[in-house]
Every structure is written in C-alpha cells, then in structure tokens.
Amino acid sequence: MYAFEVSTDAPQLSALSDFKADCLHQALSFLPKFSVDVRKVELARAMRLTANSVEPVTFRVPRLKVLYYLFV
C-alpha cells in the first residue's frame, strides 16, 4: 500500500511511508484519529487481518524537523 501527500507547492505529490507485507491480508480497518501518536508523526493507524493474526499498521509522514511534534 502506498500513501501520498498532496500539496499546493512544488512538488505537488510527495511519497509517504509505504507498507509492504509478506502475506496477503483479508481485511484492513483504519482506527479513529484519536489513536494516532502525533509525537511519532503518524498520519493513520490501521489493523490488518491475515489468515492467522491481527497486526497493527502505522503510516508516518517523513518530516525534516520532528522536534516541532514532540510537545503536542
């Protein structure tokens, strides 16, 4: 799964963290926004259902200065 950030400045499309899995999944459910850890610059959090387990998946935004997000 790939995620992209859309902005009005150039470049208009920036790649975010992607997720690559070893096995297929049967379902994916995104959690509410209050479960996201902003100090780790998370954009979204989901639970992935496979044939044998339920795994957490996080999507993070690459930022140059994470310092601004530490005191939220």
Protein backbone atom coordinates (compact mmCIF):
# COMPACT_ATOMS: atom_id res chain seq x y z
CA MET A 1 0.00 0.00 0.00
CA TYR A 2 1.27 3.42 -0.90
CA ALA A 3 0.28 6.81 0.52
CA PHE A 4 0.99 10.25 -0.91
CA GLU A 5 0.84 13.81 0.44
CA VAL A 6 -0.80 16.34 -1.88
CA SER A 7 0.35 19.95 -1.54
CA THR A 8 -0.05 23.19 -3.45
CA ASP A 9 3.71 23.82 -3.56
CA ALA A 10 6.08 22.08 -5.94
CA PRO A 11 6.46 19.09 -5.88
CA GLN A 12 2.73 18.63 -5.61
CA LEU A 13 2.83 14.91 -4.84
CA SER A 14 5.19 13.54 -2.17
CA ALA A 15 5.52 9.88 -1.24
CA LEU A 16 4.80 8.95 2.38
CA SER A 17 5.76 5.76 4.17
CA ASP A 18 4.59 2.67 2.34
CA PHE A 19 3.59 -0.70 3.70
CA LYS A 20 4.80 -3.99 2.24
CA ALA A 21 3.65 -7.30 3.68
CA ASP A 22 4.93 -10.85 3.32
CA CYS A 23 1.49 -12.42 3.09
CA LEU A 24 -1.92 -11.43 1.80
CA HIS A 25 -4.45 -9.74 4.03
CA GLN A 26 -8.16 -10.41 4.25
CA ALA A 27 -9.27 -7.05 5.66
CA LEU A 28 -7.91 -3.68 6.73
CA SER A 29 -9.66 -1.33 9.14
CA PHE A 30 -8.46 2.18 9.92
CA LEU A 31 -8.70 3.30 13.54
CA PRO A 32 -10.10 6.69 14.66
CA LYS A 33 -7.81 9.72 14.58
CA PHE A 34 -7.51 9.92 18.39
CA SER A 35 -5.49 6.67 18.33
CA VAL A 36 -2.74 8.26 16.20
CA ASP A 37 0.50 9.21 18.01
CA VAL A 38 1.36 12.70 16.76
CA ARG A 39 4.72 12.69 18.56
CA LYS A 40 5.81 9.92 16.20
CA VAL A 41 4.35 11.90 13.25
CA GLU A 42 1.77 9.22 12.47
CA LEU A 43 -0.79 10.02 9.80
CA ALA A 44 -3.03 6.97 10.23
CA ARG A 45 -3.20 3.71 12.16
CA ALA A 46 -4.94 0.54 10.99
CA MET A 47 -5.46 -3.08 11.96
CA ARG A 48 -4.69 -5.70 9.33
CA LEU A 49 -6.41 -9.08 9.38
CA THR A 50 -4.45 -12.01 7.94
CA ALA A 51 -5.25 -15.71 7.91
CA ASN A 52 -3.51 -16.22 11.28
CA SER A 53 -3.33 -12.89 13.09
CA VAL A 54 -4.37 -9.27 13.52
CA GLU A 55 -1.45 -6.87 13.03
CA PRO A 56 -1.19 -3.11 13.67
CA VAL A 57 -0.09 -0.96 10.73
CA THR A 58 1.06 2.66 11.04
CA PHE A 59 1.54 5.30 8.37
CA ARG A 60 4.08 8.01 9.17
CA VAL A 61 4.88 11.28 7.47
CA PRO A 62 8.59 11.89 6.83
CA ARG A 63 9.45 15.29 8.32
CA LEU A 64 12.80 17.03 8.47
CA LYS A 65 12.25 18.53 11.91
CA VAL A 66 10.39 16.13 14.19
CA LEU A 67 11.25 18.47 17.07
CA TYR A 68 8.09 20.52 16.36
CA TYR A 69 5.90 17.47 17.03
CA LEU A 70 7.38 16.43 20.39
CA PHE A 71 5.45 18.85 22.62
CA VAL A 72 1.90 18.39 21.34
